[in-house]
Amino acid sequence: TGLQVHHDEFKLVLKQLQILSNAIQSAETSYKSQLNGIMQPIIEKMTKQIHSSQDWQSYTKYFQQLIQNKIQECVKLFDEYITHESQIIAEQCIRDVRFGSLVQLEKQIDRYMQKKSFISEIEVLKHEAFEEFIKQHVLSQQLKFERKPSIKSVETVNEFIDKVRKEFRTNKIYVGCDVEQLKLIPKLLQRVMLYYRCFTLQLPLYESSKEFLDKFENSNVITVTTSTGSGKSSLLPALLIAEGYEKVIVTQPRRLTCEALCDYVNKTMTTNKDGFDIAGWAVTSAHCNANAQILYLTDALLKERLLYDENLIRKQTNNNNKPIVFFIDEIHERSVNIDLCLALFARLLTEKPNLKSKVKIIISSATLDPSITTVFRQIPQLKFNEFYIPNLGKVYHVAKFARSNQNILDLIQEICKTKQRYDQILCFVSSVAEVNQCCHLIQEISHGTITA
């Protein structure tokens, strides 16, 4: 009978071990399924419930690769843990056939799940995907420059991108995997790419842009005086959007300039794959993409809106934490419309002091008469600042030849003799009437060989 008892006990041990083995396989399958169950809803939100730009698609791709790799890693670690614990449990089963192996296994699994939360790993993966996006779209692209970027501009773009990194890491509004948190990430990606695309232009003002933005952040009104071609009209509005300002309205004296700047900014700051244009334009009788983040419009149209649209500022600042930026450009022209815009803003800020938190004003020109800003300096508690860099570098070498008092038409004909077909000459004259007169005369003198 003793042998039969041993035989029966061996059967019970074997049965316990088979049950344990099945439970282990089930736990491994369940764990992998649980991780996939966490991953799939997140990926579905990212791909189906959030506006899809090219940048967001790239980020989602990196995140998906990282989370799949992490699941494989976690499953492997779980298998190793369960294998180790099951050996201990199996030995206890052999020593005591009545040992609660399944209960012990469940305890060990629960302990592991509490210690190794996969949810906490997802936050790390979000940041790793962000770093991979920066690596692929910014850092690796810097090696493809035709001209070597200046050391100062490289330092500047790195500071800008580090600022976005820090915000993503430290601001609690980005923590979580609901649509509410995930939909904030595309804005961060846009900011990174705007900083980088501004950097790629290598415009002279970029190296000093951080200094400007620091002054601007602590000002209600700021003047910008830098040389022509430095990037005031195109670079600064894009950088302001990268800083988190939702709307930048830039005035220009003429419709042609509004359209040209809008096209230039869209070509340099976005791509066809982005699916949207960052800039639009508006004049009295027409507009294009007027709800864009950057709007170029004539000073005449802004004057009309300031005069007759009492809700202009309120409409632009609804639900925005950042104030609206009005960028009054080409101040040196001192047209009636420009002066009226400045006067209307001064009156608004004087009569409605609460608008100081909702509006920021940039007054920009290559040359600025200090008397223009007197009206703003007199407003109580208004923070006024100046940004002035007289001698910025040039993107390209410019050769200068003094030809004072020479007839412009004779000079054009002389230059044309040394140029190739379809080369262009840009001439500055003092009025529209003189433009028309010169165009007519040059075509007449050249017998139509020079088109103006």
Protein backbone atom coordinates (compact mmCIF):
# COMPACT_ATOMS: atom_id res chain seq x y z
CA THR A 1 0.00 0.00 0.00
CA GLY A 2 2.90 2.36 0.65
CA LEU A 3 3.89 2.23 -3.00
CA GLN A 4 0.34 3.07 -4.07
CA VAL A 5 0.33 6.13 -1.78
CA HIS A 6 3.54 7.35 -3.33
CA HIS A 7 2.15 6.68 -6.78
CA ASP A 8 -1.02 8.66 -6.03
CA GLU A 9 0.99 11.52 -4.55
CA PHE A 10 3.21 11.59 -7.62
CA LYS A 11 0.07 11.84 -9.76
CA LEU A 12 -1.14 14.80 -7.71
CA VAL A 13 2.24 16.53 -8.04
CA LEU A 14 2.23 15.94 -11.79
CA LYS A 15 -1.29 17.30 -12.05
CA GLN A 16 -0.31 20.38 -10.03
CA LEU A 17 2.69 20.98 -12.29
CA GLN A 18 0.53 20.64 -15.42
CA ILE A 19 -1.97 23.11 -14.01
CA LEU A 20 0.90 25.46 -13.14
CA SER A 21 2.38 25.11 -16.64
CA ASN A 22 -0.97 25.91 -18.25
CA ALA A 23 -1.42 28.89 -15.92
CA ILE A 24 2.03 30.20 -16.84
CA GLN A 25 1.30 29.96 -20.59
CA SER A 26 -2.05 31.64 -20.03
CA ALA A 27 -0.41 34.42 -17.97
CA GLU A 28 2.19 35.07 -20.68
CA THR A 29 -0.48 35.23 -23.38
CA SER A 30 -2.69 37.42 -21.19
CA TYR A 31 0.18 39.81 -20.40
CA LYS A 32 1.03 40.32 -24.07
CA SER A 33 -2.65 40.78 -24.88
CA GLN A 34 -2.96 43.30 -22.05
CA LEU A 35 -0.04 45.36 -23.39
CA ASN A 36 -1.50 45.32 -26.90
CA GLY A 37 -4.81 46.34 -25.38
CA ILE A 38 -3.14 49.41 -23.92
CA MET A 39 -1.29 50.21 -27.16
CA GLN A 40 -4.08 49.85 -29.72
CA PRO A 41 -6.46 52.55 -28.40
CA ILE A 42 -3.56 55.02 -28.18
CA ILE A 43 -2.46 54.34 -31.77
CA GLU A 44 -6.06 54.59 -32.93
CA LYS A 45 -6.43 58.01 -31.29
CA MET A 46 -3.18 59.18 -32.87
CA THR A 47 -4.04 58.00 -36.37
CA LYS A 48 -7.79 58.59 -36.54
CA GLN A 49 -8.81 61.29 -34.06
CA ILE A 50 -6.06 63.90 -34.47
CA HIS A 51 -5.51 66.16 -37.49
CA SER A 52 -2.87 64.45 -39.61
CA SER A 53 0.07 66.57 -40.78
CA GLN A 54 3.26 65.11 -42.23
CA ASP A 55 5.10 65.91 -39.00
CA TRP A 56 2.45 64.19 -36.89
CA GLN A 57 2.50 61.11 -39.14
CA SER A 58 6.27 60.88 -38.69
CA TYR A 59 5.99 61.26 -34.92
CA THR A 60 3.24 58.61 -34.78
CA LYS A 61 5.41 56.24 -36.83
CA TYR A 62 8.36 56.66 -34.44
CA PHE A 63 6.09 56.23 -31.40
CA GLN A 64 4.49 53.10 -32.85
CA GLN A 65 7.90 51.53 -33.54
CA LEU A 66 9.10 52.36 -30.04
CA ILE A 67 6.00 51.01 -28.30
CA GLN A 68 6.10 47.77 -30.28
CA ASN A 69 9.77 47.31 -29.36
CA LYS A 70 8.93 48.08 -25.74
CA ILE A 71 6.12 45.49 -25.73
CA GLN A 72 8.53 42.84 -27.03
CA GLU A 73 11.05 43.82 -24.36
CA CYS A 74 8.41 43.76 -21.61
CA VAL A 75 7.06 40.38 -22.73
CA LYS A 76 10.58 38.94 -22.69
CA LEU A 77 11.25 40.30 -19.19
CA PHE A 78 7.87 39.00 -17.99
CA ASP A 79 8.60 35.55 -19.41
CA GLU A 80 11.99 35.49 -17.67
CA TYR A 81 10.40 36.58 -14.40
CA ILE A 82 7.59 34.02 -14.60
CA THR A 83 10.03 31.24 -15.54
CA HIS A 84 12.16 32.04 -12.51
CA GLU A 85 9.19 32.29 -10.13
CA SER A 86 7.53 29.16 -11.53
CA GLN A 87 10.65 27.11 -10.79
CA ILE A 88 10.43 28.15 -7.14
CA ILE A 89 6.69 27.41 -7.05
CA ALA A 90 7.23 24.01 -8.74
CA GLU A 91 9.79 23.03 -6.10
CA GLN A 92 7.31 23.96 -3.37
CA CYS A 93 4.63 21.86 -5.12
CA ILE A 94 6.94 18.86 -5.12
CA ARG A 95 7.66 19.28 -1.41
CA ASP A 96 4.00 19.90 -0.53
CA VAL A 97 1.32 18.62 -2.89
CA ARG A 98 -1.28 20.78 -1.11
CA PHE A 99 0.69 24.00 -1.76
CA GLY A 100 -1.50 26.66 -3.44
CA SER A 101 0.59 27.10 -6.58
CA LEU A 102 -2.01 29.11 -8.53
CA VAL A 103 -2.58 31.50 -5.64
CA GLN A 104 1.17 32.03 -5.30
CA LEU A 105 1.54 32.56 -9.06
CA GLU A 106 -1.20 35.20 -9.06
CA LYS A 107 0.48 37.00 -6.16
CA GLN A 108 3.79 37.09 -8.01
CA ILE A 109 2.11 38.36 -11.19
CA ASP A 110 0.26 41.09 -9.26
CA ARG A 111 3.49 42.13 -7.57
CA TYR A 112 5.25 42.34 -10.95
CA MET A 113 2.42 44.35 -12.53
CA GLN A 114 2.48 46.89 -9.70
CA LYS A 115 6.24 47.23 -9.89
CA LYS A 116 6.46 47.34 -13.71
CA SER A 117 3.59 49.58 -14.80
CA PHE A 118 3.44 49.81 -18.60
CA ILE A 119 1.44 53.05 -18.44
CA SER A 120 4.42 54.87 -16.96
CA GLU A 121 6.58 53.56 -19.82
CA ILE A 122 4.31 55.25 -22.36
CA GLU A 123 5.24 58.73 -21.12
CA VAL A 124 8.91 57.86 -21.61
CA LEU A 125 8.15 56.58 -25.12
CA LYS A 126 6.35 59.82 -26.02
CA HIS A 127 9.53 61.73 -25.22
CA GLU A 128 11.75 59.20 -26.99
CA ALA A 129 9.59 59.55 -30.12
CA PHE A 130 9.94 63.33 -29.83
CA GLU A 131 13.73 62.98 -29.66
CA GLU A 132 13.70 60.67 -32.68
CA PHE A 133 11.63 63.23 -34.59
CA ILE A 134 14.19 65.94 -33.79
CA LYS A 135 17.05 63.62 -34.75
CA GLN A 136 15.56 62.70 -38.13
CA HIS A 137 14.04 66.05 -39.11
CA VAL A 138 16.51 68.53 -37.63
CA LEU A 139 19.87 67.16 -36.49
CA SER A 140 20.50 64.86 -39.46
CA GLN A 141 19.34 67.55 -41.91
CA GLN A 142 22.01 69.99 -40.72
CA LEU A 143 24.62 67.84 -42.46
CA LYS A 144 23.04 68.60 -45.86
CA PHE A 145 23.62 72.38 -45.91
CA GLU A 146 25.29 73.76 -49.02
CA ARG A 147 26.85 76.52 -46.93
CA LYS A 148 28.14 75.91 -43.45
CA PRO A 149 25.79 77.60 -40.93
CA SER A 150 27.31 80.14 -38.58
CA ILE A 151 28.23 78.92 -35.09
CA LYS A 152 25.92 81.51 -33.52
CA SER A 153 22.92 80.39 -35.59
CA VAL A 154 23.53 76.74 -34.62
CA GLU A 155 23.64 77.72 -30.95
CA THR A 156 20.43 79.71 -31.41
CA VAL A 157 18.44 76.89 -33.03
CA ASN A 158 19.64 74.44 -30.36
CA GLU A 159 18.48 76.82 -27.61
CA PHE A 160 15.07 77.16 -29.25
CA ILE A 161 14.61 73.40 -29.61
CA ASP A 162 15.84 72.76 -26.06
CA LYS A 163 13.14 75.15 -24.86
CA VAL A 164 10.45 73.07 -26.58
CA ARG A 165 11.97 69.88 -25.16
CA LYS A 166 11.87 71.32 -21.64
CA GLU A 167 8.25 72.40 -22.02
CA PHE A 168 7.24 68.92 -23.19
CA ARG A 169 9.05 67.29 -20.26
CA THR A 170 7.94 69.60 -17.46
CA ASN A 171 4.48 70.89 -18.36
CA LYS A 172 1.82 68.57 -16.93
CA ILE A 173 -0.68 69.42 -19.68
CA TYR A 174 1.19 66.95 -21.94
CA VAL A 175 1.00 64.04 -19.47
CA GLY A 176 -1.48 61.34 -20.49
CA CYS A 177 -2.65 59.46 -23.56
CA ASP A 178 -6.14 60.83 -24.04
CA VAL A 179 -6.94 62.83 -27.18
CA GLU A 180 -6.88 65.99 -25.08
CA GLN A 181 -3.17 65.50 -24.28
CA LEU A 182 -2.09 63.90 -27.57
CA LYS A 183 -3.53 66.69 -29.72
CA LEU A 184 -1.12 69.15 -28.07
CA ILE A 185 1.95 67.37 -29.46
CA PRO A 186 1.49 68.43 -33.15
CA LYS A 187 1.82 72.05 -32.01
CA LEU A 188 5.19 71.21 -30.43
CA LEU A 189 6.31 69.51 -33.64
CA GLN A 190 5.26 72.57 -35.66
CA ARG A 191 7.24 74.82 -33.33
CA VAL A 192 10.38 72.69 -33.68
CA MET A 193 10.10 72.72 -37.47
CA LEU A 194 9.47 76.47 -37.59
CA TYR A 195 12.57 77.12 -35.50
CA TYR A 196 14.54 74.84 -37.80
CA ARG A 197 13.17 76.27 -41.05
CA CYS A 198 13.94 79.78 -39.84
CA PHE A 199 17.46 78.54 -39.14
CA THR A 200 17.86 77.07 -42.64
CA LEU A 201 17.28 80.49 -44.24
CA GLN A 202 20.41 81.81 -42.50
CA LEU A 203 19.00 85.33 -42.51
CA PRO A 204 21.13 87.86 -40.61
CA LEU A 205 18.49 88.54 -37.95
CA TYR A 206 18.25 84.89 -36.85
CA GLU A 207 21.42 85.03 -34.76
CA SER A 208 19.93 87.88 -32.68
CA SER A 209 16.36 86.56 -32.67
CA LYS A 210 16.52 85.15 -29.13
CA GLU A 211 17.50 88.58 -27.81
CA PHE A 212 14.55 90.10 -29.67
CA LEU A 213 12.09 87.47 -28.42
CA ASP A 214 13.23 87.93 -24.81
CA LYS A 215 12.64 91.69 -25.07
CA PHE A 216 9.34 91.16 -26.86
CA GLU A 217 8.06 88.80 -24.16
CA ASN A 218 8.42 91.57 -21.58
CA SER A 219 6.96 94.38 -23.71
CA ASN A 220 3.58 95.68 -24.82
CA VAL A 221 5.12 97.72 -27.64
CA ILE A 222 8.56 97.23 -29.18
CA THR A 223 10.39 98.90 -32.06
CA VAL A 224 12.59 96.88 -34.42
CA THR A 225 15.25 98.68 -36.42
CA THR A 226 17.55 96.54 -38.57
CA SER A 227 18.91 96.75 -42.08
CA THR A 228 16.86 95.87 -45.17
CA GLY A 229 16.88 92.15 -46.00
CA SER A 230 17.62 91.02 -42.44
CA GLY A 231 14.36 89.06 -42.11
CA LYS A 232 12.10 91.42 -40.15
CA SER A 233 8.98 90.89 -42.27
CA SER A 234 9.29 87.14 -42.90
CA LEU A 235 11.48 85.64 -40.17
CA LEU A 236 10.08 87.35 -37.07
CA PRO A 237 6.38 86.47 -37.69
CA ALA A 238 7.31 82.78 -38.12
CA LEU A 239 9.42 82.84 -34.96
CA LEU A 240 6.53 84.40 -33.04
CA ILE A 241 4.27 81.52 -34.11
CA ALA A 242 7.02 79.11 -32.99
CA GLU A 243 7.01 80.90 -29.62
CA GLY A 244 3.36 79.96 -29.21
CA TYR A 245 1.56 83.12 -30.37
CA GLU A 246 -1.59 82.07 -32.18
CA LYS A 247 -2.03 85.06 -34.51
CA VAL A 248 0.41 87.56 -36.02
CA ILE A 249 -1.03 90.32 -38.22
CA VAL A 250 1.60 92.06 -40.36
CA THR A 251 0.85 95.28 -42.25
CA GLN A 252 2.41 96.24 -45.57
CA PRO A 253 1.85 99.41 -47.60
CA ARG A 254 0.93 97.58 -50.81
CA ARG A 255 -1.05 94.53 -51.94
CA LEU A 256 1.84 93.17 -54.03
CA THR A 257 4.10 93.03 -50.96
CA CYS A 258 1.40 91.26 -48.93
CA GLU A 259 1.05 88.54 -51.56
CA ALA A 260 4.80 88.20 -52.14
CA LEU A 261 5.63 87.89 -48.42
CA CYS A 262 2.78 85.42 -47.91
CA ASP A 263 4.05 83.21 -50.75
CA TYR A 264 7.63 83.40 -49.49
CA VAL A 265 6.71 82.47 -45.91
CA ASN A 266 4.54 79.56 -47.04
CA LYS A 267 7.30 78.21 -49.30
CA THR A 268 10.00 78.47 -46.65
CA MET A 269 8.07 77.60 -43.49
CA THR A 270 5.81 74.78 -44.72
CA THR A 271 5.90 72.00 -47.30
CA ASN A 272 3.26 70.55 -49.60
CA LYS A 273 3.17 67.51 -47.32
CA ASP A 274 2.11 69.64 -44.33
CA GLY A 275 -1.35 70.07 -45.83
CA PHE A 276 -1.74 73.68 -44.69
CA ASP A 277 -0.28 77.14 -45.23
CA ILE A 278 0.96 79.10 -42.24
CA ALA A 279 0.41 82.49 -43.92
CA GLY A 280 -2.43 84.27 -45.70
CA TRP A 281 -3.08 87.76 -47.05
CA ALA A 282 -5.93 90.24 -47.17
CA VAL A 283 -6.57 93.55 -48.93
CA THR A 284 -9.69 95.69 -49.17
CA SER A 285 -11.22 93.78 -52.10
CA ALA A 286 -9.73 90.29 -51.81
CA HIS A 287 -8.14 87.78 -49.46
CA CYS A 288 -6.52 84.35 -49.39
CA ASN A 289 -6.38 82.04 -46.36
CA ALA A 290 -7.28 84.95 -44.08
CA ASN A 291 -7.61 82.68 -41.02
CA ALA A 292 -3.96 81.62 -41.24
CA GLN A 293 -1.71 82.09 -38.22
CA ILE A 294 0.25 84.81 -40.03
CA LEU A 295 -1.84 87.35 -41.94
CA TYR A 296 -0.29 89.95 -44.21
CA LEU A 297 -2.65 92.84 -44.92
CA THR A 298 -2.43 96.41 -46.11
CA ASP A 299 -2.25 99.16 -43.52
CA ALA A 300 -5.34 100.65 -45.17
CA LEU A 301 -7.35 97.51 -44.36
CA LEU A 302 -6.07 97.38 -40.77
CA LYS A 303 -7.04 101.03 -40.33
CA GLU A 304 -10.59 100.22 -41.50
CA ARG A 305 -10.86 97.28 -39.13
CA LEU A 306 -9.58 99.29 -36.18
CA LEU A 307 -12.08 102.05 -36.95
CA TYR A 308 -15.18 99.98 -37.59
CA ASP A 309 -14.72 96.52 -36.01
CA GLU A 310 -15.04 96.95 -32.24
CA ASN A 311 -14.61 93.21 -31.70
CA LEU A 312 -11.44 92.84 -33.80
CA ILE A 313 -9.14 92.10 -30.87
CA ARG A 314 -11.68 90.08 -28.88
CA LYS A 315 -12.35 87.79 -31.87
CA GLN A 316 -8.65 87.16 -32.42
CA THR A 317 -7.86 86.43 -28.75
CA ASN A 318 -10.79 84.17 -27.82
CA ASN A 319 -9.58 81.02 -26.00
CA ASN A 320 -5.94 82.00 -26.52
CA ASN A 321 -3.51 82.29 -23.64
CA LYS A 322 -1.14 84.41 -25.71
CA PRO A 323 -1.98 87.93 -26.92
CA ILE A 324 -2.49 88.80 -30.58
CA VAL A 325 0.53 90.42 -32.26
CA PHE A 326 0.15 93.43 -34.57
CA PHE A 327 3.29 93.98 -36.65
CA ILE A 328 3.31 97.45 -38.23
CA ASP A 329 5.98 97.25 -40.92
CA GLU A 330 7.70 99.80 -43.19
CA ILE A 331 7.04 102.62 -40.72
CA HIS A 332 9.53 104.87 -42.52
CA GLU A 333 6.98 105.39 -45.31
CA ARG A 334 4.85 107.42 -42.87
CA SER A 335 1.68 107.18 -44.94
CA VAL A 336 -1.59 108.52 -43.57
CA ASN A 337 -2.79 104.94 -43.01
CA ILE A 338 0.30 103.97 -41.02
CA ASP A 339 0.06 107.06 -38.81
CA LEU A 340 -3.65 106.43 -38.24
CA CYS A 341 -3.01 102.78 -37.28
CA LEU A 342 -0.45 103.88 -34.69
CA ALA A 343 -2.77 106.58 -33.36
CA LEU A 344 -5.70 104.15 -33.12
CA PHE A 345 -3.61 101.60 -31.22
CA ALA A 346 -2.36 104.31 -28.85
CA ARG A 347 -5.95 105.40 -28.19
CA LEU A 348 -7.09 101.81 -27.60
CA LEU A 349 -4.31 101.12 -25.10
CA THR A 350 -5.00 104.41 -23.32
CA GLU A 351 -8.80 104.10 -23.11
CA LYS A 352 -8.83 100.32 -22.49
CA PRO A 353 -5.84 99.45 -20.27
CA ASN A 354 -7.05 95.82 -20.01
CA LEU A 355 -6.04 95.33 -23.66
CA LYS A 356 -2.38 95.47 -22.65
CA SER A 357 -2.62 91.79 -21.74
CA LYS A 358 -4.31 90.90 -25.04
CA VAL A 359 -2.28 92.89 -27.58
CA LYS A 360 1.38 93.23 -28.45
CA ILE A 361 2.61 95.70 -31.06
CA ILE A 362 5.79 95.64 -33.14
CA ILE A 363 6.82 98.83 -34.95
CA SER A 364 9.34 97.92 -37.62
CA SER A 365 11.52 99.76 -40.10
CA ALA A 366 15.02 99.85 -41.55
CA THR A 367 15.20 103.46 -40.35
CA LEU A 368 13.01 104.70 -37.51
CA ASP A 369 12.29 108.27 -36.45
CA PRO A 370 12.27 108.25 -32.60
CA SER A 371 9.39 110.75 -32.54
CA ILE A 372 7.03 108.09 -33.95
CA THR A 373 6.97 106.20 -30.66
CA THR A 374 6.38 109.23 -28.41
CA VAL A 375 2.65 108.57 -28.33
CA PHE A 376 3.25 105.07 -26.85
CA ARG A 377 5.88 106.19 -24.35
CA GLN A 378 3.31 108.51 -22.79
CA ILE A 379 0.79 105.73 -22.03
CA PRO A 380 0.79 104.93 -18.27
CA GLN A 381 2.12 101.51 -17.22
CA LEU A 382 2.82 100.46 -20.80
CA LYS A 383 5.99 98.40 -21.21
CA PHE A 384 7.95 99.88 -24.11
CA ASN A 385 11.18 98.47 -25.51
CA GLU A 386 13.57 98.88 -28.43
CA PHE A 387 15.50 96.39 -30.53
CA TYR A 388 18.19 97.96 -32.66
CA ILE A 389 21.00 96.28 -34.60
CA PRO A 390 22.53 98.69 -37.11
CA ASN A 391 25.07 96.43 -38.83
CA LEU A 392 23.77 92.95 -39.46
CA GLY A 393 25.63 90.73 -41.89
CA LYS A 394 24.41 89.94 -45.39
CA VAL A 395 23.36 86.58 -46.78
CA TYR A 396 25.24 87.25 -50.04
CA HIS A 397 28.13 89.50 -50.97
CA VAL A 398 26.95 92.85 -52.35
CA ALA A 399 29.36 94.86 -54.49
CA LYS A 400 28.79 98.63 -54.39
CA PHE A 401 29.64 101.08 -57.18
CA ALA A 402 29.13 104.81 -56.70
CA ARG A 403 27.37 106.29 -59.75
CA SER A 404 25.91 109.48 -58.32
CA ASN A 405 23.92 111.84 -60.54
CA GLN A 406 23.89 109.40 -63.47
CA ASN A 407 20.71 109.07 -65.48
CA ILE A 408 18.97 105.86 -64.41
CA LEU A 409 17.91 104.99 -67.97
CA ASP A 410 21.49 105.26 -69.25
CA LEU A 411 22.66 103.12 -66.35
CA ILE A 412 20.08 100.41 -67.11
CA GLN A 413 21.21 100.22 -70.74
CA GLU A 414 24.85 99.98 -69.68
CA ILE A 415 24.15 97.15 -67.22
CA CYS A 416 22.06 95.25 -69.78
CA LYS A 417 25.09 94.95 -72.08
CA THR A 418 26.85 92.75 -69.49
CA LYS A 419 23.85 90.58 -68.54
CA GLN A 420 22.37 87.37 -69.87
CA ARG A 421 18.87 86.99 -71.25
CA TYR A 422 16.19 86.87 -68.51
CA ASP A 423 18.51 88.49 -65.93
CA GLN A 424 16.68 91.11 -63.87
CA ILE A 425 17.52 94.61 -62.68
CA LEU A 426 15.73 96.17 -59.70
CA CYS A 427 15.50 99.98 -59.70
CA PHE A 428 14.12 102.22 -56.96
CA VAL A 429 12.41 105.48 -57.86
CA SER A 430 10.43 107.92 -55.77
CA SER A 431 6.80 107.58 -56.96
CA VAL A 432 4.29 105.54 -58.95
CA ALA A 433 4.27 108.25 -61.62
CA GLU A 434 8.04 107.95 -62.01
CA VAL A 435 7.74 104.15 -62.24
CA ASN A 436 5.29 104.45 -65.13
CA GLN A 437 7.37 107.12 -66.83
CA CYS A 438 10.60 105.09 -66.61
CA CYS A 439 8.90 101.91 -67.88
CA HIS A 440 7.55 103.78 -70.90
CA LEU A 441 10.85 105.53 -71.68
CA ILE A 442 13.11 102.47 -71.35
CA GLN A 443 10.94 100.45 -73.71
CA GLU A 444 10.90 103.34 -76.18
CA ILE A 445 14.67 104.00 -76.00
CA SER A 446 15.59 100.29 -76.26
CA HIS A 447 13.05 99.69 -79.06
CA GLY A 448 11.42 96.98 -76.97
CA THR A 449 14.59 94.97 -76.27
CA ILE A 450 14.33 95.78 -72.56
CA THR A 451 11.03 94.90 -70.87
CA ALA A 452 10.05 96.97 -67.87
